[in-house]
Amino acid sequence: MYAVVLLAIVALAAAEDGYTTKFDNVDIDSILQNDRLLKNYFNCLMDKGPCTADGNELKKNLPESLENNCAKCSEKQRANSERVLKYIYKNKPDMFKELESKYDPNNKYRKLKESIEGEE
């Protein structure tokens, strides 16, 4: 019995250290290459439409992950986030501007990223 309780506590502690990885196998490229799917995720994030389970998870964690530079992200989540942001920035600038105005209205995170990149 104690082993089960200990395992449950360890599992909860691990979940608090990072975001869930249950959506890590979502095919990011298929979303980015499909305007309808990309628009659905965008609408979810912007409170303009319904959200899937993974969209809700993203929407819930996005402000905190921006605030802490994705500190709780898995390596795959970090890589996927960077890929998505680069794609949207380059290929969907209007979407990027809207997302930025909602999630970084003062350019706090952009300035931080630029200062870090300038140090490298």
PDB file of N, CA and C in Angstrom:
ATOM      1  N   MET A   1       0.821  -1.196   0.000  1.00  0.00           N
ATOM      2  CA  MET A   1       0.000   0.000   0.000  1.00  0.00           C
ATOM      3  C   MET A   1       0.864   1.259   0.000  1.00  0.00           C
ATOM      4  N   TYR A   2       1.898   1.269   0.829  1.00  0.00           N
ATOM      5  CA  TYR A   2       2.780   2.438   0.882  1.00  0.00           C
ATOM      6  C   TYR A   2       3.477   2.674  -0.452  1.00  0.00           C
ATOM      7  N   ALA A   3       3.810   1.587  -1.144  1.00  0.00           N
ATOM      8  CA  ALA A   3       4.472   1.715  -2.443  1.00  0.00           C
ATOM      9  C   ALA A   3       3.559   2.414  -3.449  1.00  0.00           C
ATOM     10  N   VAL A   4       2.284   2.079  -3.431  1.00  0.00           N
ATOM     11  CA  VAL A   4       1.328   2.700  -4.342  1.00  0.00           C
ATOM     12  C   VAL A   4       1.205   4.196  -4.044  1.00  0.00           C
ATOM     13  N   VAL A   5       1.113   4.553  -2.769  1.00  0.00           N
ATOM     14  CA  VAL A   5       1.016   5.958  -2.384  1.00  0.00           C
ATOM     15  C   VAL A   5       2.294   6.692  -2.785  1.00  0.00           C
ATOM     16  N   LEU A   6       3.452   6.080  -2.556  1.00  0.00           N
ATOM     17  CA  LEU A   6       4.722   6.694  -2.923  1.00  0.00           C
ATOM     18  C   LEU A   6       4.804   6.916  -4.431  1.00  0.00           C
ATOM     19  N   LEU A   7       4.384   5.913  -5.215  1.00  0.00           N
ATOM     20  CA  LEU A   7       4.390   6.066  -6.669  1.00  0.00           C
ATOM     21  C   LEU A   7       3.463   7.189  -7.116  1.00  0.00           C
ATOM     22  N   ALA A   8       2.305   7.298  -6.476  1.00  0.00           N
ATOM     23  CA  ALA A   8       1.366   8.366  -6.822  1.00  0.00           C
ATOM     24  C   ALA A   8       1.972   9.737  -6.521  1.00  0.00           C
ATOM     25  N   ILE A   9       2.668   9.854  -5.394  1.00  0.00           N
ATOM     26  CA  ILE A   9       3.293  11.121  -5.039  1.00  0.00           C
ATOM     27  C   ILE A   9       4.402  11.467  -6.024  1.00  0.00           C
ATOM     28  N   VAL A  10       5.229  10.479  -6.391  1.00  0.00           N
ATOM     29  CA  VAL A  10       6.295  10.703  -7.366  1.00  0.00           C
ATOM     30  C   VAL A  10       5.711  11.118  -8.710  1.00  0.00           C
ATOM     31  N   ALA A  11       4.630  10.468  -9.134  1.00  0.00           N
ATOM     32  CA  ALA A  11       3.992  10.807 -10.410  1.00  0.00           C
ATOM     33  C   ALA A  11       3.452  12.233 -10.384  1.00  0.00           C
ATOM     34  N   LEU A  12       2.842  12.637  -9.281  1.00  0.00           N
ATOM     35  CA  LEU A  12       2.323  13.999  -9.171  1.00  0.00           C
ATOM     36  C   LEU A  12       3.455  15.014  -9.171  1.00  0.00           C
ATOM     37  N   ALA A  13       4.523  14.708  -8.472  1.00  0.00           N
ATOM     38  CA  ALA A  13       5.672  15.620  -8.444  1.00  0.00           C
ATOM     39  C   ALA A  13       6.272  15.765  -9.835  1.00  0.00           C
ATOM     40  N   ALA A  14       6.377  14.659 -10.565  1.00  0.00           N
ATOM     41  CA  ALA A  14       6.920  14.715 -11.927  1.00  0.00           C
ATOM     42  C   ALA A  14       6.010  15.556 -12.816  1.00  0.00           C
ATOM     43  N   ALA A  15       4.704  15.426 -12.653  1.00  0.00           N
ATOM     44  CA  ALA A  15       3.765  16.202 -13.469  1.00  0.00           C
ATOM     45  C   ALA A  15       3.898  17.694 -13.176  1.00  0.00           C
ATOM     46  N   GLU A  16       4.209  18.041 -11.910  1.00  0.00           N
ATOM     47  CA  GLU A  16       4.359  19.452 -11.555  1.00  0.00           C
ATOM     48  C   GLU A  16       5.648  20.039 -12.114  1.00  0.00           C
ATOM     49  N   ASP A  17       6.642  19.202 -12.362  1.00  0.00           N
ATOM     50  CA  ASP A  17       7.928  19.679 -12.865  1.00  0.00           C
ATOM     51  C   ASP A  17       7.873  20.021 -14.351  1.00  0.00           C
ATOM     52  N   GLY A  18       6.915  19.490 -15.064  1.00  0.00           N
ATOM     53  CA  GLY A  18       6.831  19.742 -16.498  1.00  0.00           C
ATOM     54  C   GLY A  18       5.403  19.639 -16.981  1.00  0.00           C
ATOM     55  N   TYR A  19       5.217  20.061 -18.213  1.00  0.00           N
ATOM     56  CA  TYR A  19       3.902  19.965 -18.830  1.00  0.00           C
ATOM     57  C   TYR A  19       3.669  18.531 -19.291  1.00  0.00           C
ATOM     58  N   THR A  20       2.415  18.186 -19.452  1.00  0.00           N
ATOM     59  CA  THR A  20       2.095  16.842 -19.914  1.00  0.00           C
ATOM     60  C   THR A  20       2.733  16.586 -21.276  1.00  0.00           C
ATOM     61  N   THR A  21       3.177  15.370 -21.468  1.00  0.00           N
ATOM     62  CA  THR A  21       3.779  14.993 -22.754  1.00  0.00           C
ATOM     63  C   THR A  21       2.812  14.158 -23.590  1.00  0.00           C
ATOM     64  N   LYS A  22       1.581  14.040 -23.138  1.00  0.00           N
ATOM     65  CA  LYS A  22       0.652  13.166 -23.858  1.00  0.00           C
ATOM     66  C   LYS A  22       0.301  13.679 -25.254  1.00  0.00           C
ATOM     67  N   PHE A  23       0.580  14.942 -25.543  1.00  0.00           N
ATOM     68  CA  PHE A  23       0.301  15.478 -26.876  1.00  0.00           C
ATOM     69  C   PHE A  23       1.582  15.684 -27.690  1.00  0.00           C
ATOM     70  N   ASP A  24       2.695  15.193 -27.197  1.00  0.00           N
ATOM     71  CA  ASP A  24       3.976  15.402 -27.879  1.00  0.00           C
ATOM     72  C   ASP A  24       4.046  14.739 -29.251  1.00  0.00           C
ATOM     73  N   ASN A  25       3.189  13.773 -29.509  1.00  0.00           N
ATOM     74  CA  ASN A  25       3.230  13.085 -30.802  1.00  0.00           C
ATOM     75  C   ASN A  25       2.272  13.668 -31.828  1.00  0.00           C
ATOM     76  N   VAL A  26       1.692  14.820 -31.527  1.00  0.00           N
ATOM     77  CA  VAL A  26       0.848  15.506 -32.510  1.00  0.00           C
ATOM     78  C   VAL A  26       1.750  15.888 -33.683  1.00  0.00           C
ATOM     79  N   ASP A  27       1.275  15.631 -34.892  1.00  0.00           N
ATOM     80  CA  ASP A  27       2.061  15.905 -36.089  1.00  0.00           C
ATOM     81  C   ASP A  27       2.013  17.406 -36.404  1.00  0.00           C
ATOM     82  N   ILE A  28       3.008  18.119 -35.910  1.00  0.00           N
ATOM     83  CA  ILE A  28       3.080  19.573 -36.067  1.00  0.00           C
ATOM     84  C   ILE A  28       3.098  19.972 -37.539  1.00  0.00           C
ATOM     85  N   ASP A  29       3.859  19.241 -38.352  1.00  0.00           N
ATOM     86  CA  ASP A  29       3.962  19.599 -39.775  1.00  0.00           C
ATOM     87  C   ASP A  29       2.622  19.511 -40.486  1.00  0.00           C
ATOM     88  N   SER A  30       1.812  18.504 -40.137  1.00  0.00           N
ATOM     89  CA  SER A  30       0.506  18.387 -40.800  1.00  0.00           C
ATOM     90  C   SER A  30      -0.403  19.548 -40.413  1.00  0.00           C
ATOM     91  N   ILE A  31      -0.239  20.073 -39.216  1.00  0.00           N
ATOM     92  CA  ILE A  31      -1.036  21.227 -38.790  1.00  0.00           C
ATOM     93  C   ILE A  31      -0.557  22.482 -39.524  1.00  0.00           C
ATOM     94  N   LEU A  32       0.756  22.657 -39.580  1.00  0.00           N
ATOM     95  CA  LEU A  32       1.303  23.855 -40.227  1.00  0.00           C
ATOM     96  C   LEU A  32       1.016  23.894 -41.722  1.00  0.00           C
ATOM     97  N   GLN A  33       0.927  22.742 -42.343  1.00  0.00           N
ATOM     98  CA  GLN A  33       0.694  22.680 -43.790  1.00  0.00           C
ATOM     99  C   GLN A  33      -0.790  22.664 -44.154  1.00  0.00           C
ATOM    100  N   ASN A  34      -1.659  22.646 -43.152  1.00  0.00           N
ATOM    101  CA  ASN A  34      -3.096  22.602 -43.395  1.00  0.00           C
ATOM    102  C   ASN A  34      -3.717  23.890 -42.838  1.00  0.00           C
ATOM    103  N   ASP A  35      -4.074  24.800 -43.731  1.00  0.00           N
ATOM    104  CA  ASP A  35      -4.593  26.104 -43.293  1.00  0.00           C
ATOM    105  C   ASP A  35      -5.814  25.979 -42.386  1.00  0.00           C
ATOM    106  N   ARG A  36      -6.677  25.010 -42.659  1.00  0.00           N
ATOM    107  CA  ARG A  36      -7.877  24.833 -41.841  1.00  0.00           C
ATOM    108  C   ARG A  36      -7.504  24.444 -40.415  1.00  0.00           C
ATOM    109  N   LEU A  37      -6.598  23.467 -40.265  1.00  0.00           N
ATOM    110  CA  LEU A  37      -6.179  23.047 -38.930  1.00  0.00           C
ATOM    111  C   LEU A  37      -5.445  24.164 -38.199  1.00  0.00           C
ATOM    112  N   LEU A  38      -4.550  24.829 -38.895  1.00  0.00           N
ATOM    113  CA  LEU A  38      -3.797  25.917 -38.282  1.00  0.00           C
ATOM    114  C   LEU A  38      -4.739  27.022 -37.819  1.00  0.00           C
ATOM    115  N   LYS A  39      -5.709  27.349 -38.649  1.00  0.00           N
ATOM    116  CA  LYS A  39      -6.689  28.385 -38.289  1.00  0.00           C
ATOM    117  C   LYS A  39      -7.502  27.960 -37.060  1.00  0.00           C
ATOM    118  N   ASN A  40      -7.845  26.671 -36.966  1.00  0.00           N
ATOM    119  CA  ASN A  40      -8.590  26.186 -35.803  1.00  0.00           C
ATOM    120  C   ASN A  40      -7.784  26.358 -34.518  1.00  0.00           C
ATOM    121  N   TYR A  41      -6.497  26.015 -34.556  1.00  0.00           N
ATOM    122  CA  TYR A  41      -5.650  26.210 -33.371  1.00  0.00           C
ATOM    123  C   TYR A  41      -5.511  27.691 -33.052  1.00  0.00           C
ATOM    124  N   PHE A  42      -5.316  28.486 -34.073  1.00  0.00           N
ATOM    125  CA  PHE A  42      -5.209  29.930 -33.899  1.00  0.00           C
ATOM    126  C   PHE A  42      -6.478  30.484 -33.250  1.00  0.00           C
ATOM    127  N   ASN A  43      -7.642  30.089 -33.775  1.00  0.00           N
ATOM    128  CA  ASN A  43      -8.906  30.563 -33.215  1.00  0.00           C
ATOM    129  C   ASN A  43      -9.070  30.133 -31.769  1.00  0.00           C
ATOM    130  N   CYS A  44      -8.625  28.929 -31.443  1.00  0.00           N
ATOM    131  CA  CYS A  44      -8.659  28.459 -30.056  1.00  0.00           C
ATOM    132  C   CYS A  44      -7.823  29.385 -29.176  1.00  0.00           C
ATOM    133  N   LEU A  45      -6.591  29.631 -29.578  1.00  0.00           N
ATOM    134  CA  LEU A  45      -5.689  30.468 -28.779  1.00  0.00           C
ATOM    135  C   LEU A  45      -6.199  31.895 -28.636  1.00  0.00           C
ATOM    136  N   MET A  46      -6.909  32.367 -29.633  1.00  0.00           N
ATOM    137  CA  MET A  46      -7.406  33.746 -29.632  1.00  0.00           C
ATOM    138  C   MET A  46      -8.827  33.854 -29.069  1.00  0.00           C
ATOM    139  N   ASP A  47      -9.372  32.762 -28.543  1.00  0.00           N
ATOM    140  CA  ASP A  47     -10.741  32.737 -28.003  1.00  0.00           C
ATOM    141  C   ASP A  47     -11.786  33.080 -29.062  1.00  0.00           C
ATOM    142  N   LYS A  48     -11.512  32.654 -30.299  1.00  0.00           N
ATOM    143  CA  LYS A  48     -12.438  32.903 -31.409  1.00  0.00           C
ATOM    144  C   LYS A  48     -13.131  31.641 -31.872  1.00  0.00           C
ATOM    145  N   GLY A  49     -12.806  30.502 -31.252  1.00  0.00           N
ATOM    146  CA  GLY A  49     -13.394  29.246 -31.675  1.00  0.00           C
ATOM    147  C   GLY A  49     -13.151  28.160 -30.644  1.00  0.00           C
ATOM    148  N   PRO A  50     -13.720  26.989 -30.893  1.00  0.00           N
ATOM    149  CA  PRO A  50     -13.558  25.881 -29.945  1.00  0.00           C
ATOM    150  C   PRO A  50     -12.124  25.343 -29.953  1.00  0.00           C
ATOM    151  N   CYS A  51     -11.789  24.631 -28.889  1.00  0.00           N
ATOM    152  CA  CYS A  51     -10.451  24.052 -28.740  1.00  0.00           C
ATOM    153  C   CYS A  51     -10.522  22.535 -28.651  1.00  0.00           C
ATOM    154  N   THR A  52      -9.534  21.887 -29.228  1.00  0.00           N
ATOM    155  CA  THR A  52      -9.357  20.461 -29.022  1.00  0.00           C
ATOM    156  C   THR A  52      -8.701  20.283 -27.646  1.00  0.00           C
ATOM    157  N   ALA A  53      -8.545  19.042 -27.209  1.00  0.00           N
ATOM    158  CA  ALA A  53      -7.897  18.782 -25.919  1.00  0.00           C
ATOM    159  C   ALA A  53      -6.469  19.314 -25.912  1.00  0.00           C
ATOM    160  N   ASP A  54      -5.728  19.075 -26.991  1.00  0.00           N
ATOM    161  CA  ASP A  54      -4.357  19.578 -27.034  1.00  0.00           C
ATOM    162  C   ASP A  54      -4.330  21.099 -27.188  1.00  0.00           C
ATOM    163  N   GLY A  55      -5.308  21.659 -27.868  1.00  0.00           N
ATOM    164  CA  GLY A  55      -5.408  23.113 -27.978  1.00  0.00           C
ATOM    165  C   GLY A  55      -5.665  23.747 -26.618  1.00  0.00           C
ATOM    166  N   ASN A  56      -6.551  23.141 -25.835  1.00  0.00           N
ATOM    167  CA  ASN A  56      -6.813  23.639 -24.478  1.00  0.00           C
ATOM    168  C   ASN A  56      -5.564  23.577 -23.618  1.00  0.00           C
ATOM    169  N   GLU A  57      -4.816  22.493 -23.730  1.00  0.00           N
ATOM    170  CA  GLU A  57      -3.579  22.336 -22.955  1.00  0.00           C
ATOM    171  C   GLU A  57      -2.576  23.421 -23.346  1.00  0.00           C
ATOM    172  N   LEU A  58      -2.440  23.663 -24.632  1.00  0.00           N
ATOM    173  CA  LEU A  58      -1.540  24.706 -25.125  1.00  0.00           C
ATOM    174  C   LEU A  58      -1.975  26.073 -24.608  1.00  0.00           C
ATOM    175  N   LYS A  59      -3.240  26.362 -24.733  1.00  0.00           N
ATOM    176  CA  LYS A  59      -3.788  27.651 -24.315  1.00  0.00           C
ATOM    177  C   LYS A  59      -3.596  27.866 -22.814  1.00  0.00           C
ATOM    178  N   LYS A  60      -3.767  26.811 -22.046  1.00  0.00           N
ATOM    179  CA  LYS A  60      -3.606  26.893 -20.597  1.00  0.00           C
ATOM    180  C   LYS A  60      -2.145  27.161 -20.211  1.00  0.00           C
ATOM    181  N   ASN A  61      -1.213  26.522 -20.909  1.00  0.00           N
ATOM    182  CA  ASN A  61       0.196  26.594 -20.523  1.00  0.00           C
ATOM    183  C   ASN A  61       0.994  27.685 -21.223  1.00  0.00           C
ATOM    184  N   LEU A  62       0.464  28.247 -22.281  1.00  0.00           N
ATOM    185  CA  LEU A  62       1.219  29.215 -23.073  1.00  0.00           C
ATOM    186  C   LEU A  62       1.703  30.429 -22.267  1.00  0.00           C
ATOM    187  N   PRO A  63       0.842  31.085 -21.492  1.00  0.00           N
ATOM    188  CA  PRO A  63       1.346  32.253 -20.744  1.00  0.00           C
ATOM    189  C   PRO A  63       2.508  31.917 -19.802  1.00  0.00           C
ATOM    190  N   GLU A  64       2.374  30.822 -19.079  1.00  0.00           N
ATOM    191  CA  GLU A  64       3.448  30.437 -18.155  1.00  0.00           C
ATOM    192  C   GLU A  64       4.717  30.038 -18.901  1.00  0.00           C
ATOM    193  N   SER A  65       4.562  29.310 -20.010  1.00  0.00           N
ATOM    194  CA  SER A  65       5.752  28.884 -20.743  1.00  0.00           C
ATOM    195  C   SER A  65       6.482  30.083 -21.364  1.00  0.00           C
ATOM    196  N   LEU A  66       5.750  31.112 -21.736  1.00  0.00           N
ATOM    197  CA  LEU A  66       6.391  32.342 -22.214  1.00  0.00           C
ATOM    198  C   LEU A  66       7.125  33.031 -21.065  1.00  0.00           C
ATOM    199  N   GLU A  67       6.466  33.069 -19.924  1.00  0.00           N
ATOM    200  CA  GLU A  67       7.040  33.743 -18.759  1.00  0.00           C
ATOM    201  C   GLU A  67       8.335  33.090 -18.292  1.00  0.00           C
ATOM    202  N   ASN A  68       8.387  31.751 -18.325  1.00  0.00           N
ATOM    203  CA  ASN A  68       9.572  31.067 -17.792  1.00  0.00           C
ATOM    204  C   ASN A  68      10.464  30.476 -18.885  1.00  0.00           C
ATOM    205  N   ASN A  69      10.336  30.987 -20.100  1.00  0.00           N
ATOM    206  CA  ASN A  69      11.162  30.540 -21.232  1.00  0.00           C
ATOM    207  C   ASN A  69      11.070  29.030 -21.446  1.00  0.00           C
ATOM    208  N   CYS A  70       9.879  28.517 -21.308  1.00  0.00           N
ATOM    209  CA  CYS A  70       9.589  27.098 -21.564  1.00  0.00           C
ATOM    210  C   CYS A  70      10.377  26.172 -20.625  1.00  0.00           C
ATOM    211  N   ALA A  71      10.601  26.619 -19.406  1.00  0.00           N
ATOM    212  CA  ALA A  71      11.390  25.844 -18.447  1.00  0.00           C
ATOM    213  C   ALA A  71      10.762  24.493 -18.123  1.00  0.00           C
ATOM    214  N   LYS A  72       9.441  24.395 -18.175  1.00  0.00           N
ATOM    215  CA  LYS A  72       8.769  23.136 -17.869  1.00  0.00           C
ATOM    216  C   LYS A  72       8.526  22.287 -19.115  1.00  0.00           C
ATOM    217  N   CYS A  73       8.970  22.762 -20.263  1.00  0.00           N
ATOM    218  CA  CYS A  73       8.764  22.043 -21.522  1.00  0.00           C
ATOM    219  C   CYS A  73       9.746  20.895 -21.649  1.00  0.00           C
ATOM    220  N   SER A  74       9.289  19.823 -22.288  1.00  0.00           N
ATOM    221  CA  SER A  74      10.199  18.746 -22.665  1.00  0.00           C
ATOM    222  C   SER A  74      11.024  19.245 -23.850  1.00  0.00           C
ATOM    223  N   GLU A  75      12.079  18.530 -24.177  1.00  0.00           N
ATOM    224  CA  GLU A  75      12.900  18.920 -25.330  1.00  0.00           C
ATOM    225  C   GLU A  75      12.065  18.955 -26.608  1.00  0.00           C
ATOM    226  N   LYS A  76      11.183  17.966 -26.748  1.00  0.00           N
ATOM    227  CA  LYS A  76      10.332  17.918 -27.944  1.00  0.00           C
ATOM    228  C   LYS A  76       9.377  19.111 -27.977  1.00  0.00           C
ATOM    229  N   GLN A  77       8.800  19.457 -26.834  1.00  0.00           N
ATOM    230  CA  GLN A  77       7.899  20.608 -26.771  1.00  0.00           C
ATOM    231  C   GLN A  77       8.641  21.896 -27.110  1.00  0.00           C
ATOM    232  N   ARG A  78       9.856  22.028 -26.612  1.00  0.00           N
ATOM    233  CA  ARG A  78      10.662  23.214 -26.889  1.00  0.00           C
ATOM    234  C   ARG A  78      10.965  23.310 -28.385  1.00  0.00           C
ATOM    235  N   ALA A  79      11.376  22.189 -28.979  1.00  0.00           N
ATOM    236  CA  ALA A  79      11.702  22.177 -30.413  1.00  0.00           C
ATOM    237  C   ALA A  79      10.460  22.454 -31.251  1.00  0.00           C
ATOM    238  N   ASN A  80       9.330  21.835 -30.895  1.00  0.00           N
ATOM    239  CA  ASN A  80       8.090  22.061 -31.644  1.00  0.00           C
ATOM    240  C   ASN A  80       7.624  23.509 -31.511  1.00  0.00           C
ATOM    241  N   SER A  81       7.747  24.065 -30.328  1.00  0.00           N
ATOM    242  CA  SER A  81       7.338  25.465 -30.114  1.00  0.00           C
ATOM    243  C   SER A  81       8.153  26.400 -30.993  1.00  0.00           C
ATOM    244  N   GLU A  82       9.439  26.158 -31.021  1.00  0.00           N
ATOM    245  CA  GLU A  82      10.306  27.002 -31.839  1.00  0.00           C
ATOM    246  C   GLU A  82       9.960  26.863 -33.322  1.00  0.00           C
ATOM    247  N   ARG A  83       9.716  25.635 -33.760  1.00  0.00           N
ATOM    248  CA  ARG A  83       9.376  25.399 -35.166  1.00  0.00           C
ATOM    249  C   ARG A  83       8.071  26.094 -35.535  1.00  0.00           C
ATOM    250  N   VAL A  84       7.071  25.983 -34.670  1.00  0.00           N
ATOM    251  CA  VAL A  84       5.776  26.608 -34.932  1.00  0.00           C
ATOM    252  C   VAL A  84       5.920  28.133 -34.977  1.00  0.00           C
ATOM    253  N   LEU A  85       6.615  28.700 -33.996  1.00  0.00           N
ATOM    254  CA  LEU A  85       6.781  30.154 -33.969  1.00  0.00           C
ATOM    255  C   LEU A  85       7.517  30.662 -35.199  1.00  0.00           C
ATOM    256  N   LYS A  86       8.584  29.984 -35.588  1.00  0.00           N
ATOM    257  CA  LYS A  86       9.322  30.396 -36.785  1.00  0.00           C
ATOM    258  C   LYS A  86       8.445  30.315 -38.026  1.00  0.00           C
ATOM    259  N   TYR A  87       7.664  29.236 -38.133  1.00  0.00           N
ATOM    260  CA  TYR A  87       6.783  29.068 -39.293  1.00  0.00           C
ATOM    261  C   TYR A  87       5.751  30.196 -39.346  1.00  0.00           C
ATOM    262  N   ILE A  88       5.083  30.437 -38.231  1.00  0.00           N
ATOM    263  CA  ILE A  88       4.033  31.454 -38.215  1.00  0.00           C
ATOM    264  C   ILE A  88       4.631  32.846 -38.461  1.00  0.00           C
ATOM    265  N   TYR A  89       5.772  33.114 -37.847  1.00  0.00           N
ATOM    266  CA  TYR A  89       6.428  34.407 -38.034  1.00  0.00           C
ATOM    267  C   TYR A  89       6.755  34.641 -39.509  1.00  0.00           C
ATOM    268  N   LYS A  90       7.272  33.615 -40.162  1.00  0.00           N
ATOM    269  CA  LYS A  90       7.708  33.741 -41.555  1.00  0.00           C
ATOM    270  C   LYS A  90       6.551  33.658 -42.551  1.00  0.00           C
ATOM    271  N   ASN A  91       5.597  32.753 -42.308  1.00  0.00           N
ATOM    272  CA  ASN A  91       4.559  32.458 -43.296  1.00  0.00           C
ATOM    273  C   ASN A  91       3.178  33.027 -43.004  1.00  0.00           C
ATOM    274  N   LYS A  92       2.927  33.374 -41.772  1.00  0.00           N
ATOM    275  CA  LYS A  92       1.608  33.893 -41.378  1.00  0.00           C
ATOM    276  C   LYS A  92       1.789  35.125 -40.488  1.00  0.00           C
ATOM    277  N   PRO A  93       2.390  36.182 -41.021  1.00  0.00           N
ATOM    278  CA  PRO A  93       2.717  37.348 -40.185  1.00  0.00           C
ATOM    279  C   PRO A  93       1.499  37.987 -39.511  1.00  0.00           C
ATOM    280  N   ASP A  94       0.349  37.954 -40.152  1.00  0.00           N
ATOM    281  CA  ASP A  94      -0.845  38.532 -39.523  1.00  0.00           C
ATOM    282  C   ASP A  94      -1.254  37.730 -38.289  1.00  0.00           C
ATOM    283  N   MET A  95      -1.182  36.415 -38.396  1.00  0.00           N
ATOM    284  CA  MET A  95      -1.474  35.554 -37.246  1.00  0.00           C
ATOM    285  C   MET A  95      -0.472  35.825 -36.135  1.00  0.00           C
ATOM    286  N   PHE A  96       0.797  35.918 -36.516  1.00  0.00           N
ATOM    287  CA  PHE A  96       1.846  36.151 -35.527  1.00  0.00           C
ATOM    288  C   PHE A  96       1.585  37.457 -34.775  1.00  0.00           C
ATOM    289  N   LYS A  97       1.231  38.506 -35.496  1.00  0.00           N
ATOM    290  CA  LYS A  97       0.974  39.804 -34.874  1.00  0.00           C
ATOM    291  C   LYS A  97      -0.189  39.724 -33.890  1.00  0.00           C
ATOM    292  N   GLU A  98      -1.240  39.008 -34.276  1.00  0.00           N
ATOM    293  CA  GLU A  98      -2.387  38.863 -33.369  1.00  0.00           C
ATOM    294  C   GLU A  98      -2.021  38.075 -32.123  1.00  0.00           C
ATOM    295  N   LEU A  99      -1.294  36.970 -32.311  1.00  0.00           N
ATOM    296  CA  LEU A  99      -0.855  36.176 -31.162  1.00  0.00           C
ATOM    297  C   LEU A  99       0.047  36.997 -30.251  1.00  0.00           C
ATOM    298  N   GLU A 100       0.952  37.725 -30.861  1.00  0.00           N
ATOM    299  CA  GLU A 100       1.876  38.548 -30.083  1.00  0.00           C
ATOM    300  C   GLU A 100       1.119  39.636 -29.316  1.00  0.00           C
ATOM    301  N   SER A 101       0.122  40.231 -29.954  1.00  0.00           N
ATOM    302  CA  SER A 101      -0.627  41.291 -29.269  1.00  0.00           C
ATOM    303  C   SER A 101      -1.411  40.738 -28.077  1.00  0.00           C
ATOM    304  N   LYS A 102      -1.824  39.487 -28.152  1.00  0.00           N
ATOM    305  CA  LYS A 102      -2.560  38.889 -27.033  1.00  0.00           C
ATOM    306  C   LYS A 102      -1.616  38.354 -25.956  1.00  0.00           C
ATOM    307  N   TYR A 103      -0.581  37.632 -26.355  1.00  0.00           N
ATOM    308  CA  TYR A 103       0.264  36.932 -25.389  1.00  0.00           C
ATOM    309  C   TYR A 103       1.542  37.683 -25.026  1.00  0.00           C
ATOM    310  N   ASP A 104       1.880  38.722 -25.748  1.00  0.00           N
ATOM    311  CA  ASP A 104       3.058  39.534 -25.439  1.00  0.00           C
ATOM    312  C   ASP A 104       2.817  40.984 -25.856  1.00  0.00           C
ATOM    313  N   PRO A 105       1.799  41.624 -25.279  1.00  0.00           N
ATOM    314  CA  PRO A 105       1.426  42.967 -25.726  1.00  0.00           C
ATOM    315  C   PRO A 105       2.509  44.022 -25.506  1.00  0.00           C
ATOM    316  N   ASN A 106       3.404  43.798 -24.566  1.00  0.00           N
ATOM    317  CA  ASN A 106       4.461  44.768 -24.282  1.00  0.00           C
ATOM    318  C   ASN A 106       5.811  44.358 -24.865  1.00  0.00           C
ATOM    319  N   ASN A 107       5.808  43.345 -25.719  1.00  0.00           N
ATOM    320  CA  ASN A 107       7.040  42.823 -26.330  1.00  0.00           C
ATOM    321  C   ASN A 107       8.085  42.403 -25.304  1.00  0.00           C
ATOM    322  N   LYS A 108       7.628  42.048 -24.128  1.00  0.00           N
ATOM    323  CA  LYS A 108       8.518  41.624 -23.045  1.00  0.00           C
ATOM    324  C   LYS A 108       9.334  40.393 -23.445  1.00  0.00           C
ATOM    325  N   TYR A 109       8.665  39.391 -23.992  1.00  0.00           N
ATOM    326  CA  TYR A 109       9.339  38.140 -24.324  1.00  0.00           C
ATOM    327  C   TYR A 109      10.189  38.277 -25.578  1.00  0.00           C
ATOM    328  N   ARG A 110       9.730  39.078 -26.516  1.00  0.00           N
ATOM    329  CA  ARG A 110      10.504  39.305 -27.742  1.00  0.00           C
ATOM    330  C   ARG A 110      11.804  40.030 -27.393  1.00  0.00           C
ATOM    331  N   LYS A 111      11.716  41.035 -26.546  1.00  0.00           N
ATOM    332  CA  LYS A 111      12.922  41.772 -26.146  1.00  0.00           C
ATOM    333  C   LYS A 111      13.882  40.865 -25.389  1.00  0.00           C
ATOM    334  N   LEU A 112      13.350  40.006 -24.531  1.00  0.00           N
ATOM    335  CA  LEU A 112      14.188  39.066 -23.791  1.00  0.00           C
ATOM    336  C   LEU A 112      14.898  38.129 -24.748  1.00  0.00           C
ATOM    337  N   LYS A 113      14.157  37.590 -25.704  1.00  0.00           N
ATOM    338  CA  LYS A 113      14.745  36.667 -26.679  1.00  0.00           C
ATOM    339  C   LYS A 113      15.832  37.378 -27.503  1.00  0.00           C
ATOM    340  N   GLU A 114      15.546  38.588 -27.921  1.00  0.00           N
ATOM    341  CA  GLU A 114      16.521  39.346 -28.715  1.00  0.00           C
ATOM    342  C   GLU A 114      17.782  39.637 -27.904  1.00  0.00           C
ATOM    343  N   SER A 115      17.622  39.933 -26.613  1.00  0.00           N
ATOM    344  CA  SER A 115      18.796  40.213 -25.790  1.00  0.00           C
ATOM    345  C   SER A 115      19.624  38.944 -25.569  1.00  0.00           C
ATOM    346  N   ILE A 116      18.960  37.805 -25.408  1.00  0.00           N
ATOM    347  CA  ILE A 116      19.671  36.527 -25.248  1.00  0.00           C
ATOM    348  C   ILE A 116      20.398  36.180 -26.532  1.00  0.00           C
ATOM    349  N   GLU A 117      19.730  36.339 -27.663  1.00  0.00           N
ATOM    350  CA  GLU A 117      20.362  36.019 -28.943  1.00  0.00           C
ATOM    351  C   GLU A 117      21.544  36.946 -29.219  1.00  0.00           C
ATOM    352  N   GLY A 118      21.462  38.182 -28.748  1.00  0.00           N
ATOM    353  CA  GLY A 118      22.553  39.133 -28.943  1.00  0.00           C
ATOM    354  C   GLY A 118      23.791  38.782 -28.137  1.00  0.00           C
ATOM    355  N   GLU A 119      23.605  38.042 -27.041  1.00  0.00           N
ATOM    356  CA  GLU A 119      24.713  37.647 -26.188  1.00  0.00           C
ATOM    357  C   GLU A 119      25.456  36.445 -26.744  1.00  0.00           C
ATOM    358  N   GLU A 120      24.824  35.695 -27.628  1.00  0.00           N
ATOM    359  CA  GLU A 120      25.426  34.453 -28.136  1.00  0.00           C
ATOM    360  C   GLU A 120      26.514  34.718 -29.148  1.00  0.00           C
TER     361      GLU A 120
END
